[in-house]
Every structure is written in C-alpha cells, then in structure tokens.
Amino acid sequence: MTFPLQEIRRLLAPDTALLGSVVGLEGTLARVATERGAVMARFLDVLAIGDRVLLRNGLATRAPVARKSYPV
C-alpha cells in the first residue's frame, strides 16, 4: 500500500530521466527536444545548441558520453 501523497507525486512528476538534445537557449532556460516533444528546462552547466542532456526534476545536465569506442 502506498501513501496518497507519494502516489500523486509519482503521477505528476515521474522519476524517469529523459534524454534530449538542446535546440535553443533563452537566458537560464534551455529548449530541449525529447521523445515526448520540446521541453523548457533550467540548466546550471554551460550548454550549447546540439549538446545531449539528461532531464531530471526540471533540470538539464550534460548526458554522459562514451570516451572510448572499440571496433567490432
């Protein structure tokens, strides 16, 4: 059994992080293209158009990228 407040919080703001790409910057807000459509999110890191970001709790942070690639 879950508490009603936790259930409402889960319905309003799911905990899953979205992966997206920055398509526009406006002050401290970034417009990010995701699989669910365009989203406006705040950012703390220095971002540029084209950067891949993770959206979590309304904040956009740089997404981890592979540092090495191995031939297959």
Protein backbone atom coordinates (compact mmCIF):
# COMPACT_ATOMS: atom_id res chain seq x y z
CA MET A 1 0.00 0.00 0.00
CA THR A 2 1.31 3.47 -0.90
CA PHE A 3 0.62 6.80 0.68
CA PRO A 4 -1.71 9.07 -1.34
CA LEU A 5 0.80 11.93 -1.42
CA GLN A 6 3.51 9.66 -2.86
CA GLU A 7 1.09 8.39 -5.49
CA ILE A 8 0.15 11.94 -6.55
CA ARG A 9 3.83 12.92 -6.72
CA ARG A 10 4.58 9.89 -8.90
CA LEU A 11 1.70 10.73 -11.24
CA LEU A 12 2.63 14.41 -11.57
CA ALA A 13 6.40 14.09 -11.90
CA PRO A 14 7.72 10.66 -12.83
CA ASP A 15 11.25 9.85 -11.64
CA THR A 16 12.48 8.72 -15.02
CA ALA A 17 15.12 10.85 -16.69
CA LEU A 18 14.61 11.95 -20.28
CA LEU A 19 17.40 12.12 -22.81
CA GLY A 20 17.30 15.02 -25.24
CA SER A 21 19.21 17.48 -27.34
CA VAL A 22 19.43 21.25 -26.79
CA VAL A 23 17.77 23.12 -29.67
CA GLY A 24 17.59 26.62 -28.17
CA LEU A 25 18.81 28.75 -25.27
CA GLU A 26 16.96 31.64 -23.61
CA GLY A 27 18.75 33.04 -20.56
CA THR A 28 18.81 30.29 -17.93
CA LEU A 29 16.31 28.13 -19.82
CA ALA A 30 17.11 25.59 -22.49
CA ARG A 31 14.66 24.27 -25.06
CA VAL A 32 15.29 20.53 -25.28
CA ALA A 33 13.95 18.18 -27.94
CA THR A 34 12.95 14.84 -26.38
CA GLU A 35 10.99 11.82 -27.50
CA ARG A 36 7.93 13.42 -25.85
CA GLY A 37 8.35 16.76 -27.64
CA ALA A 38 10.06 20.05 -26.82
CA VAL A 39 10.59 20.85 -23.14
CA MET A 40 11.87 24.01 -21.42
CA ALA A 41 14.27 23.24 -18.56
CA ARG A 42 16.66 25.16 -16.34
CA PHE A 43 20.36 24.39 -16.56
CA LEU A 44 23.40 25.01 -14.38
CA ASP A 45 26.14 23.69 -16.67
CA VAL A 46 27.42 25.61 -19.67
CA LEU A 47 25.36 24.27 -22.57
CA ALA A 48 25.44 24.89 -26.29
CA ILE A 49 22.98 24.09 -29.04
CA GLY A 50 23.38 20.46 -30.04
CA ASP A 51 24.53 19.18 -26.63
CA ARG A 52 22.95 15.97 -25.36
CA VAL A 53 21.35 16.41 -21.93
CA LEU A 54 19.52 14.42 -19.27
CA LEU A 55 16.33 15.99 -17.92
CA ARG A 56 15.59 15.16 -14.32
CA ASN A 57 13.28 17.12 -12.00
CA GLY A 58 13.19 20.11 -14.36
CA LEU A 59 16.97 20.46 -14.59
CA ALA A 60 19.05 19.77 -17.67
CA THR A 61 22.52 18.33 -17.11
CA ARG A 62 25.04 17.09 -19.64
CA ALA A 63 24.46 13.48 -20.60
CA PRO A 64 27.37 11.09 -20.17
CA VAL A 65 29.10 10.26 -23.44
CA ALA A 66 31.36 7.37 -24.33
CA ARG A 67 35.03 8.28 -24.05
CA LYS A 68 36.31 5.21 -25.90
CA SER A 69 34.96 3.25 -28.80
CA TYR A 70 36.02 -0.25 -29.69
CA PRO A 71 35.94 -1.70 -33.21
CA VAL A 72 33.66 -4.67 -33.59
